[in-house]
Structures are given as structure tokens and as C-alpha cells.
Amino acid sequence: TTLSPAWSSDGTKLAFSSSRTGDPDIWISDASGAGAHRLTAFRGPDVSPVWNPKTNSQIAWVTGRTHLPQIYMMDSDGANVMRMNDGGYATSPSWSPNGQFLAFAWNRNYGPGAPGGEDIYVMDIASKRWTQLTHDAGRNEHPSWSPDGRHIVFESTRTGSSQIWTMFADGSNPHQLTTKGKNWNGNWSN
């Protein structure tokens, strides 16, 4: 199985998850698919890679190596692997256009009977400090930055069904964009 492909911002590399050697791991190749090589080799699934769009020198991804999904980051050659969150259940990493911040969905108190829900957080990569942008209003996930870095679009169940919402990058002024049916995985075009 090969899934969750992500282009580098310069279009020369592709990161993806592949289970060609057993567990899903993060791989990269050049734009033609040649030169594919594995960056991760841990027990548990590694999925959803995203490139730092400013430098293309870092990749964030979701891993199950600690049994629950967590956000990790590494250099684009697989070096300097580090965990970005401190527990819970974290998914959907998204880099800001300037490469300074990483947005993600995180249920910090995951487990039966635990208070709270899945919210959108933003981490300053340099300081490793995070800020919670949504606050226990349904399930909030799949953040995506606007090209100018001023807004984040995300999926939320705060009105009952999954709908697409937007907010300023500081979490203020949430605004519902879709209202009919169920809508998932909002994304910005450039």
C-alpha cells in the first residue's frame, strides 16, 4: 500500500507512506519516482508526511510507534528525528507557508472518559511551544494554512456534522464555510 503523497514546495521531491517492506514507513523519491528510499524504519505505521514549504529540509509526519498517533519531525534525509507533542492522540500536520509553525489536530486527554476533544493546535518550531486554537467545540481536525499564512481552514463537527470552517491563524473569528451534507479535508489552492 502506498498513500498520503506530498510534494516538496519546489516540486522536485515526493514524500509518501509505503508498506512495501512491511509496516508503512515514510519514503521519498524524485519527481519521476526514481531514487525512492526509506526514511523511517520503526515498528508501527508512519503516514501523512508534509514538507516544510520554506526550506524543504524538514518533514513532519504521523507515527504510531508509541501505539497512539503522534506528530514527529525529521530532516529530509531522515536524521534528527524528534517527537513534537507530549502524548494524547495527534494527527494531520500542516506547515505554515513561512515554515515557522506546524498546525495539527490533537486530543491531549485521549482515552475512555477523558475530558476534552480533538482540537487544532499550532506549534512554534523554534521554541517547541504550542497554542490551542479551538476549544472543545466538537471534533476539529485536518488544518490547512492559507497561502499568505493568515488563516487556517479545518474540519469541525461543532454544529453536528462534519463541516469546513476557517479562522485566523491565532484561532480567532471562526467562520463556517459549508453547511450541507458532510464535508471533510478542506484545503487551500495557491
N, C-alpha and C. Protein backbone atom coordinates (compact mmCIF):
# COMPACT_ATOMS: atom_id res chain seq x y z
N THR A 1 0.84 -1.17 0.00
CA THR A 1 0.00 0.00 0.00
C THR A 1 0.89 1.23 0.00
N THR A 2 0.59 2.16 -0.89
CA THR A 2 1.29 3.44 -0.94
C THR A 2 0.24 4.54 -0.86
N LEU A 3 0.43 5.47 0.09
CA LEU A 3 -0.59 6.51 0.28
C LEU A 3 0.02 7.79 0.81
N SER A 4 -0.80 8.80 0.98
CA SER A 4 -0.50 10.14 1.51
C SER A 4 0.73 10.80 0.87
N PRO A 5 0.71 10.94 -0.47
CA PRO A 5 1.84 11.60 -1.13
C PRO A 5 1.87 13.11 -0.84
N ALA A 6 3.06 13.68 -0.78
CA ALA A 6 3.22 15.12 -0.55
C ALA A 6 4.41 15.63 -1.35
N TRP A 7 4.17 16.62 -2.19
CA TRP A 7 5.24 17.24 -2.99
C TRP A 7 6.03 18.21 -2.14
N SER A 8 7.34 18.28 -2.38
CA SER A 8 8.13 19.37 -1.81
C SER A 8 7.69 20.65 -2.51
N SER A 9 7.89 21.80 -1.89
CA SER A 9 7.38 23.05 -2.47
C SER A 9 8.06 23.41 -3.79
N ASP A 10 9.27 22.89 -4.03
CA ASP A 10 9.94 23.17 -5.31
C ASP A 10 9.59 22.13 -6.38
N GLY A 11 8.76 21.15 -6.03
CA GLY A 11 8.30 20.16 -6.99
C GLY A 11 9.32 19.12 -7.42
N THR A 12 10.46 19.04 -6.74
CA THR A 12 11.50 18.09 -7.14
C THR A 12 11.47 16.77 -6.39
N LYS A 13 10.78 16.72 -5.25
CA LYS A 13 10.74 15.52 -4.41
C LYS A 13 9.31 15.18 -4.03
N LEU A 14 9.10 13.92 -3.77
CA LEU A 14 7.81 13.43 -3.31
C LEU A 14 8.04 12.59 -2.06
N ALA A 15 7.33 12.90 -0.99
CA ALA A 15 7.34 12.07 0.23
C ALA A 15 6.03 11.30 0.25
N PHE A 16 6.06 10.08 0.75
CA PHE A 16 4.86 9.25 0.78
C PHE A 16 5.03 8.15 1.82
N SER A 17 3.93 7.50 2.14
CA SER A 17 3.95 6.36 3.05
C SER A 17 3.80 5.10 2.21
N SER A 18 4.63 4.11 2.48
CA SER A 18 4.56 2.86 1.75
C SER A 18 4.83 1.69 2.68
N SER A 19 4.06 0.61 2.47
CA SER A 19 4.26 -0.61 3.28
C SER A 19 5.00 -1.68 2.48
N ARG A 20 5.76 -1.28 1.47
CA ARG A 20 6.45 -2.24 0.61
C ARG A 20 7.44 -3.12 1.36
N THR A 21 7.88 -2.71 2.56
CA THR A 21 8.80 -3.54 3.34
C THR A 21 8.18 -4.03 4.64
N GLY A 22 6.84 -3.95 4.75
CA GLY A 22 6.14 -4.40 5.96
C GLY A 22 5.27 -3.30 6.51
N ASP A 23 5.64 -2.74 7.68
CA ASP A 23 4.92 -1.61 8.25
C ASP A 23 4.99 -0.41 7.31
N PRO A 24 3.95 0.42 7.27
CA PRO A 24 4.05 1.65 6.48
C PRO A 24 5.16 2.55 7.04
N ASP A 25 6.06 2.96 6.16
CA ASP A 25 7.15 3.86 6.51
C ASP A 25 7.12 5.07 5.59
N ILE A 26 7.87 6.12 5.96
CA ILE A 26 7.99 7.30 5.12
C ILE A 26 9.13 7.09 4.13
N TRP A 27 8.82 7.36 2.87
CA TRP A 27 9.78 7.24 1.77
C TRP A 27 9.84 8.57 1.04
N ILE A 28 10.93 8.82 0.33
CA ILE A 28 10.98 9.95 -0.59
C ILE A 28 11.55 9.47 -1.91
N SER A 29 11.20 10.17 -2.97
CA SER A 29 11.74 9.89 -4.30
C SER A 29 11.87 11.22 -5.03
N ASP A 30 12.49 11.18 -6.21
CA ASP A 30 12.48 12.39 -7.02
C ASP A 30 11.14 12.47 -7.73
N ALA A 31 10.91 13.54 -8.47
CA ALA A 31 9.60 13.80 -9.07
C ALA A 31 9.15 12.70 -10.03
N SER A 32 10.07 11.98 -10.63
CA SER A 32 9.70 10.92 -11.58
C SER A 32 9.41 9.59 -10.88
N GLY A 33 9.67 9.52 -9.58
CA GLY A 33 9.51 8.28 -8.83
C GLY A 33 10.81 7.51 -8.68
N ALA A 34 11.85 7.97 -9.36
CA ALA A 34 13.16 7.30 -9.27
C ALA A 34 13.85 7.66 -7.96
N GLY A 35 14.78 6.82 -7.58
CA GLY A 35 15.58 7.08 -6.39
C GLY A 35 14.82 6.95 -5.08
N ALA A 36 13.73 6.19 -5.08
CA ALA A 36 12.94 6.04 -3.85
C ALA A 36 13.78 5.40 -2.76
N HIS A 37 13.74 6.00 -1.58
CA HIS A 37 14.41 5.40 -0.43
C HIS A 37 13.63 5.70 0.84
N ARG A 38 13.76 4.78 1.77
CA ARG A 38 13.01 4.81 3.03
C ARG A 38 13.72 5.70 4.04
N LEU A 39 12.93 6.55 4.72
CA LEU A 39 13.47 7.42 5.77
C LEU A 39 13.20 6.89 7.16
N THR A 40 12.09 6.18 7.36
CA THR A 40 11.77 5.66 8.69
C THR A 40 11.74 4.14 8.63
N ALA A 41 12.04 3.51 9.74
CA ALA A 41 12.03 2.05 9.82
C ALA A 41 11.74 1.62 11.25
N PHE A 42 10.60 2.09 11.78
CA PHE A 42 10.21 1.75 13.13
C PHE A 42 8.97 0.88 13.10
N ARG A 43 8.75 0.11 14.13
CA ARG A 43 7.54 -0.68 14.23
C ARG A 43 6.36 0.27 14.45
N GLY A 44 5.29 0.05 13.72
CA GLY A 44 4.13 0.92 13.79
C GLY A 44 4.06 1.77 12.53
N PRO A 45 2.86 2.20 12.15
CA PRO A 45 2.69 2.93 10.89
C PRO A 45 3.24 4.36 10.94
N ASP A 46 3.88 4.76 9.85
CA ASP A 46 4.32 6.14 9.62
C ASP A 46 3.58 6.63 8.39
N VAL A 47 2.76 7.68 8.53
CA VAL A 47 1.90 8.16 7.45
C VAL A 47 1.85 9.69 7.44
N SER A 48 1.22 10.23 6.44
CA SER A 48 0.90 11.66 6.33
C SER A 48 2.12 12.59 6.38
N PRO A 49 3.14 12.34 5.56
CA PRO A 49 4.29 13.25 5.57
C PRO A 49 3.94 14.60 4.96
N VAL A 50 4.51 15.67 5.49
CA VAL A 50 4.38 17.02 4.93
C VAL A 50 5.74 17.72 5.01
N TRP A 51 6.11 18.38 3.93
CA TRP A 51 7.39 19.09 3.83
C TRP A 51 7.29 20.47 4.44
N ASN A 52 8.38 20.95 5.02
CA ASN A 52 8.49 22.36 5.39
C ASN A 52 8.57 23.13 4.07
N PRO A 53 7.54 23.94 3.74
CA PRO A 53 7.49 24.56 2.42
C PRO A 53 8.53 25.67 2.21
N LYS A 54 9.07 26.20 3.27
CA LYS A 54 10.06 27.27 3.15
C LYS A 54 11.43 26.72 2.78
N THR A 55 11.81 25.59 3.37
CA THR A 55 13.17 25.07 3.20
C THR A 55 13.24 23.72 2.50
N ASN A 56 12.15 22.96 2.52
CA ASN A 56 12.14 21.57 2.03
C ASN A 56 13.20 20.72 2.73
N SER A 57 13.66 21.16 3.89
CA SER A 57 14.70 20.42 4.60
C SER A 57 14.17 19.62 5.79
N GLN A 58 12.86 19.75 6.07
CA GLN A 58 12.26 19.02 7.19
C GLN A 58 10.94 18.41 6.74
N ILE A 59 10.62 17.28 7.34
CA ILE A 59 9.35 16.59 7.09
C ILE A 59 8.71 16.30 8.44
N ALA A 60 7.43 16.67 8.56
CA ALA A 60 6.65 16.27 9.73
C ALA A 60 5.74 15.13 9.27
N TRP A 61 5.39 14.23 10.18
CA TRP A 61 4.53 13.10 9.83
C TRP A 61 3.86 12.55 11.07
N VAL A 62 2.93 11.63 10.86
CA VAL A 62 2.22 10.96 11.94
C VAL A 62 2.77 9.55 12.07
N THR A 63 3.07 9.16 13.30
CA THR A 63 3.58 7.81 13.53
C THR A 63 2.80 7.13 14.65
N GLY A 64 2.69 5.82 14.55
CA GLY A 64 2.05 5.01 15.58
C GLY A 64 3.06 4.23 16.39
N ARG A 65 4.31 4.63 16.36
CA ARG A 65 5.37 3.87 17.06
C ARG A 65 5.17 3.83 18.57
N THR A 66 4.40 4.76 19.14
CA THR A 66 4.12 4.74 20.57
C THR A 66 2.69 4.25 20.84
N HIS A 67 2.11 3.55 19.88
CA HIS A 67 0.78 2.94 19.92
C HIS A 67 -0.34 3.90 19.58
N LEU A 68 -0.28 5.17 19.97
CA LEU A 68 -1.26 6.17 19.56
C LEU A 68 -0.58 7.11 18.56
N PRO A 69 -1.32 7.64 17.59
CA PRO A 69 -0.71 8.55 16.62
C PRO A 69 -0.09 9.77 17.30
N GLN A 70 1.12 10.10 16.88
CA GLN A 70 1.87 11.24 17.39
C GLN A 70 2.50 11.98 16.21
N ILE A 71 2.80 13.26 16.39
CA ILE A 71 3.47 14.04 15.36
C ILE A 71 4.97 14.02 15.63
N TYR A 72 5.72 13.65 14.60
CA TYR A 72 7.18 13.68 14.67
C TYR A 72 7.70 14.56 13.54
N MET A 73 8.95 14.97 13.65
CA MET A 73 9.61 15.75 12.62
C MET A 73 11.02 15.20 12.44
N MET A 74 11.53 15.31 11.21
CA MET A 74 12.89 14.89 10.93
C MET A 74 13.44 15.73 9.78
N ASP A 75 14.73 15.70 9.61
CA ASP A 75 15.34 16.31 8.44
C ASP A 75 14.95 15.49 7.21
N SER A 76 15.02 16.08 6.05
CA SER A 76 14.57 15.39 4.84
C SER A 76 15.47 14.22 4.45
N ASP A 77 16.60 14.03 5.14
CA ASP A 77 17.43 12.85 4.92
C ASP A 77 17.18 11.78 5.97
N GLY A 78 16.20 12.01 6.87
CA GLY A 78 15.85 11.03 7.90
C GLY A 78 16.58 11.25 9.22
N ALA A 79 17.48 12.22 9.29
CA ALA A 79 18.23 12.50 10.52
C ALA A 79 17.41 13.39 11.47
N ASN A 80 17.88 13.47 12.71
CA ASN A 80 17.32 14.37 13.73
C ASN A 80 15.82 14.17 13.95
N VAL A 81 15.43 12.93 14.16
CA VAL A 81 14.02 12.60 14.43
C VAL A 81 13.65 13.09 15.82
N MET A 82 12.53 13.83 15.92
CA MET A 82 12.07 14.29 17.23
C MET A 82 10.56 14.29 17.31
N ARG A 83 10.08 13.96 18.48
CA ARG A 83 8.64 13.97 18.75
C ARG A 83 8.21 15.40 19.04
N MET A 84 7.06 15.80 18.47
CA MET A 84 6.62 17.18 18.60
C MET A 84 5.55 17.39 19.67
N ASN A 85 4.79 16.37 20.03
CA ASN A 85 3.77 16.53 21.07
C ASN A 85 4.06 15.57 22.22
N ASP A 86 3.42 15.81 23.36
CA ASP A 86 3.76 15.06 24.57
C ASP A 86 2.66 14.11 25.02
N GLY A 87 2.11 13.35 24.10
CA GLY A 87 1.10 12.37 24.46
C GLY A 87 -0.22 12.64 23.77
N GLY A 88 -1.24 11.92 24.22
CA GLY A 88 -2.54 12.08 23.60
C GLY A 88 -2.61 11.41 22.24
N TYR A 89 -3.39 12.01 21.34
CA TYR A 89 -3.67 11.44 20.03
C TYR A 89 -3.56 12.59 19.04
N ALA A 90 -2.49 12.63 18.22
CA ALA A 90 -2.23 13.77 17.35
C ALA A 90 -2.14 13.33 15.89
N THR A 91 -2.77 14.11 15.01
CA THR A 91 -2.80 13.79 13.57
C THR A 91 -2.77 15.07 12.74
N SER A 92 -2.77 14.92 11.44
CA SER A 92 -2.99 15.99 10.46
C SER A 92 -2.02 17.16 10.53
N PRO A 93 -0.70 16.91 10.47
CA PRO A 93 0.23 18.05 10.50
C PRO A 93 0.13 18.90 9.23
N SER A 94 0.31 20.21 9.40
CA SER A 94 0.27 21.16 8.28
C SER A 94 1.24 22.30 8.57
N TRP A 95 2.23 22.50 7.69
CA TRP A 95 3.22 23.56 7.86
C TRP A 95 2.64 24.91 7.45
N SER A 96 3.01 25.95 8.17
CA SER A 96 2.69 27.31 7.74
C SER A 96 3.56 27.63 6.52
N PRO A 97 3.11 28.53 5.64
CA PRO A 97 3.90 28.86 4.45
C PRO A 97 5.31 29.37 4.74
N ASN A 98 5.51 30.03 5.89
CA ASN A 98 6.84 30.53 6.22
C ASN A 98 7.72 29.48 6.90
N GLY A 99 7.19 28.27 7.13
CA GLY A 99 7.96 27.18 7.72
C GLY A 99 8.24 27.32 9.19
N GLN A 100 7.64 28.31 9.86
CA GLN A 100 7.92 28.54 11.28
C GLN A 100 6.96 27.83 12.22
N PHE A 101 5.79 27.43 11.70
CA PHE A 101 4.76 26.85 12.56
C PHE A 101 4.22 25.56 11.96
N LEU A 102 3.76 24.70 12.84
CA LEU A 102 3.13 23.46 12.43
C LEU A 102 1.76 23.38 13.11
N ALA A 103 0.70 23.32 12.30
CA ALA A 103 -0.65 23.13 12.85
C ALA A 103 -0.96 21.65 12.83
N PHE A 104 -1.77 21.18 13.78
CA PHE A 104 -2.15 19.77 13.82
C PHE A 104 -3.38 19.60 14.69
N ALA A 105 -4.03 18.45 14.55
CA ALA A 105 -5.17 18.10 15.39
C ALA A 105 -4.64 17.26 16.56
N TRP A 106 -5.14 17.55 17.76
CA TRP A 106 -4.60 16.88 18.95
C TRP A 106 -5.69 16.72 19.99
N ASN A 107 -5.87 15.49 20.44
CA ASN A 107 -6.70 15.19 21.60
C ASN A 107 -5.73 14.91 22.72
N ARG A 108 -5.46 15.91 23.53
CA ARG A 108 -4.43 15.80 24.57
C ARG A 108 -4.81 14.83 25.67
N ASN A 109 -6.10 14.64 25.92
CA ASN A 109 -6.57 13.78 27.01
C ASN A 109 -7.29 12.56 26.45
N TYR A 110 -6.67 11.90 25.50
CA TYR A 110 -7.31 10.79 24.81
C TYR A 110 -7.50 9.60 25.73
N GLY A 111 -8.68 8.97 25.63
CA GLY A 111 -8.95 7.76 26.37
C GLY A 111 -10.39 7.73 26.86
N PRO A 112 -10.89 6.56 27.27
CA PRO A 112 -12.26 6.44 27.74
C PRO A 112 -12.53 7.36 28.94
N GLY A 113 -13.59 8.14 28.86
CA GLY A 113 -13.97 9.01 29.95
C GLY A 113 -13.12 10.26 30.12
N ALA A 114 -12.13 10.45 29.24
CA ALA A 114 -11.26 11.62 29.37
C ALA A 114 -11.99 12.88 28.92
N PRO A 115 -11.77 13.98 29.62
CA PRO A 115 -12.42 15.23 29.22
C PRO A 115 -11.76 15.81 27.97
N GLY A 116 -12.48 16.68 27.28
CA GLY A 116 -11.89 17.36 26.13
C GLY A 116 -12.13 16.61 24.85
N GLY A 117 -11.75 17.21 23.77
CA GLY A 117 -11.94 16.62 22.46
C GLY A 117 -10.74 16.91 21.60
N GLU A 118 -10.92 16.66 20.31
CA GLU A 118 -9.84 16.89 19.36
C GLU A 118 -9.89 18.34 18.91
N ASP A 119 -8.81 19.06 19.13
CA ASP A 119 -8.72 20.47 18.81
C ASP A 119 -7.54 20.75 17.90
N ILE A 120 -7.55 21.95 17.31
CA ILE A 120 -6.45 22.39 16.45
C ILE A 120 -5.45 23.14 17.31
N TYR A 121 -4.18 22.80 17.15
CA TYR A 121 -3.07 23.43 17.85
C TYR A 121 -2.07 23.93 16.82
N VAL A 122 -1.29 24.92 17.21
CA VAL A 122 -0.18 25.40 16.38
C VAL A 122 1.07 25.39 17.25
N MET A 123 2.16 24.83 16.71
CA MET A 123 3.43 24.80 17.43
C MET A 123 4.44 25.69 16.73
N ASP A 124 5.12 26.53 17.50
CA ASP A 124 6.25 27.30 17.02
C ASP A 124 7.43 26.32 16.98
N ILE A 125 7.97 26.05 15.81
CA ILE A 125 9.01 25.03 15.65
C ILE A 125 10.28 25.39 16.43
N ALA A 126 10.67 26.65 16.43
CA ALA A 126 11.92 27.05 17.11
C ALA A 126 11.84 26.84 18.61
N SER A 127 10.73 27.23 19.23
CA SER A 127 10.62 27.13 20.69
C SER A 127 9.96 25.85 21.17
N LYS A 128 9.31 25.12 20.28
CA LYS A 128 8.53 23.91 20.59
C LYS A 128 7.34 24.23 21.50
N ARG A 129 6.90 25.49 21.53
CA ARG A 129 5.72 25.88 22.31
C ARG A 129 4.50 25.79 21.42
N TRP A 130 3.40 25.31 22.00
CA TRP A 130 2.17 25.17 21.24
C TRP A 130 1.09 26.07 21.81
N THR A 131 0.14 26.40 20.94
CA THR A 131 -1.01 27.20 21.30
C THR A 131 -2.26 26.47 20.83
N GLN A 132 -3.25 26.35 21.69
CA GLN A 132 -4.52 25.72 21.34
C GLN A 132 -5.39 26.76 20.64
N LEU A 133 -5.88 26.45 19.43
CA LEU A 133 -6.69 27.40 18.66
C LEU A 133 -8.18 27.15 18.77
N THR A 134 -8.61 25.90 18.88
CA THR A 134 -10.03 25.59 19.08
C THR A 134 -10.17 25.01 20.48
N HIS A 135 -11.37 25.12 21.04
CA HIS A 135 -11.53 24.73 22.45
C HIS A 135 -12.77 23.89 22.66
N ASP A 136 -12.61 22.58 22.55
CA ASP A 136 -13.64 21.60 22.92
C ASP A 136 -14.99 21.85 22.24
N ALA A 137 -14.97 22.31 21.02
CA ALA A 137 -16.21 22.51 20.26
C ALA A 137 -16.28 21.42 19.20
N GLY A 138 -16.71 20.23 19.58
CA GLY A 138 -16.76 19.11 18.65
C GLY A 138 -15.37 18.57 18.34
N ARG A 139 -15.30 17.80 17.26
CA ARG A 139 -14.03 17.25 16.79
C ARG A 139 -13.50 18.19 15.71
N ASN A 140 -12.28 18.68 15.88
CA ASN A 140 -11.65 19.62 14.95
C ASN A 140 -10.37 18.98 14.43
N GLU A 141 -10.25 18.90 13.11
CA GLU A 141 -9.08 18.24 12.55
C GLU A 141 -8.79 18.73 11.14
N HIS A 142 -7.74 18.20 10.54
CA HIS A 142 -7.30 18.49 9.18
C HIS A 142 -7.08 19.98 8.91
N PRO A 143 -6.23 20.64 9.71
CA PRO A 143 -5.96 22.06 9.45
C PRO A 143 -5.15 22.23 8.16
N SER A 144 -5.37 23.35 7.48
CA SER A 144 -4.62 23.70 6.28
C SER A 144 -4.44 25.21 6.25
N TRP A 145 -3.20 25.67 6.08
CA TRP A 145 -2.86 27.09 6.09
C TRP A 145 -3.22 27.74 4.75
N SER A 146 -3.68 29.00 4.83
CA SER A 146 -3.86 29.79 3.60
C SER A 146 -2.48 30.13 3.05
N PRO A 147 -2.37 30.38 1.75
CA PRO A 147 -1.06 30.70 1.16
C PRO A 147 -0.36 31.90 1.80
N ASP A 148 -1.12 32.86 2.34
CA ASP A 148 -0.50 34.02 2.98
C ASP A 148 -0.24 33.80 4.47
N GLY A 149 -0.64 32.63 5.02
CA GLY A 149 -0.39 32.30 6.42
C GLY A 149 -1.30 33.00 7.41
N ARG A 150 -2.31 33.73 6.93
CA ARG A 150 -3.18 34.48 7.84
C ARG A 150 -4.36 33.66 8.35
N HIS A 151 -4.76 32.62 7.64
CA HIS A 151 -5.94 31.83 8.00
C HIS A 151 -5.62 30.34 8.02
N ILE A 152 -6.45 29.62 8.74
CA ILE A 152 -6.39 28.16 8.74
C ILE A 152 -7.80 27.66 8.47
N VAL A 153 -7.92 26.77 7.50
CA VAL A 153 -9.19 26.11 7.24
C VAL A 153 -9.11 24.75 7.93
N PHE A 154 -10.24 24.25 8.44
CA PHE A 154 -10.23 22.99 9.18
C PHE A 154 -11.61 22.35 9.12
N GLU A 155 -11.66 21.11 9.51
CA GLU A 155 -12.91 20.35 9.57
C GLU A 155 -13.38 20.33 11.02
N SER A 156 -14.69 20.54 11.24
CA SER A 156 -15.21 20.54 12.60
C SER A 156 -16.62 19.92 12.64
N THR A 157 -16.91 19.26 13.76
CA THR A 157 -18.26 18.71 13.99
C THR A 157 -19.03 19.56 15.00
N ARG A 158 -18.60 20.77 15.26
CA ARG A 158 -19.22 21.61 16.30
C ARG A 158 -20.69 21.90 16.05
N THR A 159 -21.17 21.78 14.81
CA THR A 159 -22.59 22.00 14.52
C THR A 159 -23.34 20.69 14.30
N GLY A 160 -22.71 19.58 14.60
CA GLY A 160 -23.35 18.28 14.48
C GLY A 160 -22.73 17.38 13.45
N SER A 161 -22.59 17.84 12.21
CA SER A 161 -21.96 17.03 11.16
C SER A 161 -20.65 17.68 10.75
N SER A 162 -19.80 16.92 10.08
CA SER A 162 -18.50 17.45 9.64
C SER A 162 -18.70 18.55 8.61
N GLN A 163 -18.16 19.73 8.92
CA GLN A 163 -18.25 20.87 8.02
C GLN A 163 -16.88 21.56 7.96
N ILE A 164 -16.68 22.37 6.93
CA ILE A 164 -15.44 23.10 6.77
C ILE A 164 -15.59 24.48 7.39
N TRP A 165 -14.62 24.85 8.19
CA TRP A 165 -14.58 26.14 8.88
C TRP A 165 -13.26 26.83 8.55
N THR A 166 -13.21 28.13 8.79
CA THR A 166 -11.96 28.87 8.70
C THR A 166 -11.82 29.73 9.94
N MET A 167 -10.60 30.12 10.25
CA MET A 167 -10.32 31.02 11.38
C MET A 167 -9.01 31.73 11.08
N PHE A 168 -8.77 32.82 11.81
CA PHE A 168 -7.46 33.46 11.71
C PHE A 168 -6.43 32.51 12.30
N ALA A 169 -5.16 32.68 11.93
CA ALA A 169 -4.10 31.77 12.38
C ALA A 169 -3.89 31.81 13.89
N ASP A 170 -4.47 32.80 14.58
CA ASP A 170 -4.38 32.83 16.04
C ASP A 170 -5.60 32.17 16.70
N GLY A 171 -6.51 31.61 15.89
CA GLY A 171 -7.69 30.92 16.40
C GLY A 171 -8.92 31.81 16.52
N SER A 172 -8.79 33.09 16.29
CA SER A 172 -9.92 34.00 16.42
C SER A 172 -10.82 33.98 15.18
N ASN A 173 -12.03 34.46 15.35
CA ASN A 173 -13.01 34.63 14.28
C ASN A 173 -13.31 33.34 13.49
N PRO A 174 -13.68 32.24 14.18
CA PRO A 174 -14.05 31.03 13.43
C PRO A 174 -15.32 31.29 12.61
N HIS A 175 -15.33 30.78 11.40
CA HIS A 175 -16.45 31.03 10.49
C HIS A 175 -16.73 29.77 9.68
N GLN A 176 -17.98 29.31 9.69
CA GLN A 176 -18.37 28.11 8.97
C GLN A 176 -18.48 28.40 7.48
N LEU A 177 -17.85 27.56 6.65
CA LEU A 177 -17.87 27.75 5.19
C LEU A 177 -18.88 26.85 4.49
N THR A 178 -19.09 25.63 4.99
CA THR A 178 -20.04 24.70 4.37
C THR A 178 -21.17 24.40 5.34
N THR A 179 -22.34 24.06 4.81
CA THR A 179 -23.49 23.79 5.69
C THR A 179 -24.28 22.56 5.29
N LYS A 180 -24.18 22.10 4.08
CA LYS A 180 -24.97 20.97 3.58
C LYS A 180 -24.16 19.68 3.58
N GLY A 181 -24.82 18.58 3.90
CA GLY A 181 -24.16 17.28 3.86
C GLY A 181 -23.04 17.19 4.87
N LYS A 182 -22.03 16.40 4.54
CA LYS A 182 -20.83 16.27 5.36
C LYS A 182 -19.64 16.66 4.49
N ASN A 183 -18.73 17.43 5.03
CA ASN A 183 -17.59 17.93 4.27
C ASN A 183 -16.32 17.71 5.07
N TRP A 184 -15.29 17.22 4.38
CA TRP A 184 -14.03 16.84 5.03
C TRP A 184 -12.83 17.46 4.30
N ASN A 185 -11.73 17.50 5.02
CA ASN A 185 -10.41 17.79 4.46
C ASN A 185 -10.35 19.05 3.60
N GLY A 186 -10.78 20.18 4.13
CA GLY A 186 -10.65 21.45 3.40
C GLY A 186 -9.18 21.74 3.12
N ASN A 187 -8.91 22.39 2.00
CA ASN A 187 -7.54 22.71 1.63
C ASN A 187 -7.53 23.99 0.83
N TRP A 188 -6.43 24.71 0.84
CA TRP A 188 -6.29 25.96 0.08
C TRP A 188 -5.61 25.68 -1.25
N SER A 189 -5.96 26.44 -2.25
CA SER A 189 -5.21 26.38 -3.51
C SER A 189 -4.29 27.59 -3.54
N ASN A 190 -3.24 27.51 -4.27
CA ASN A 190 -2.28 28.64 -4.37
C ASN A 190 -2.67 29.57 -5.48
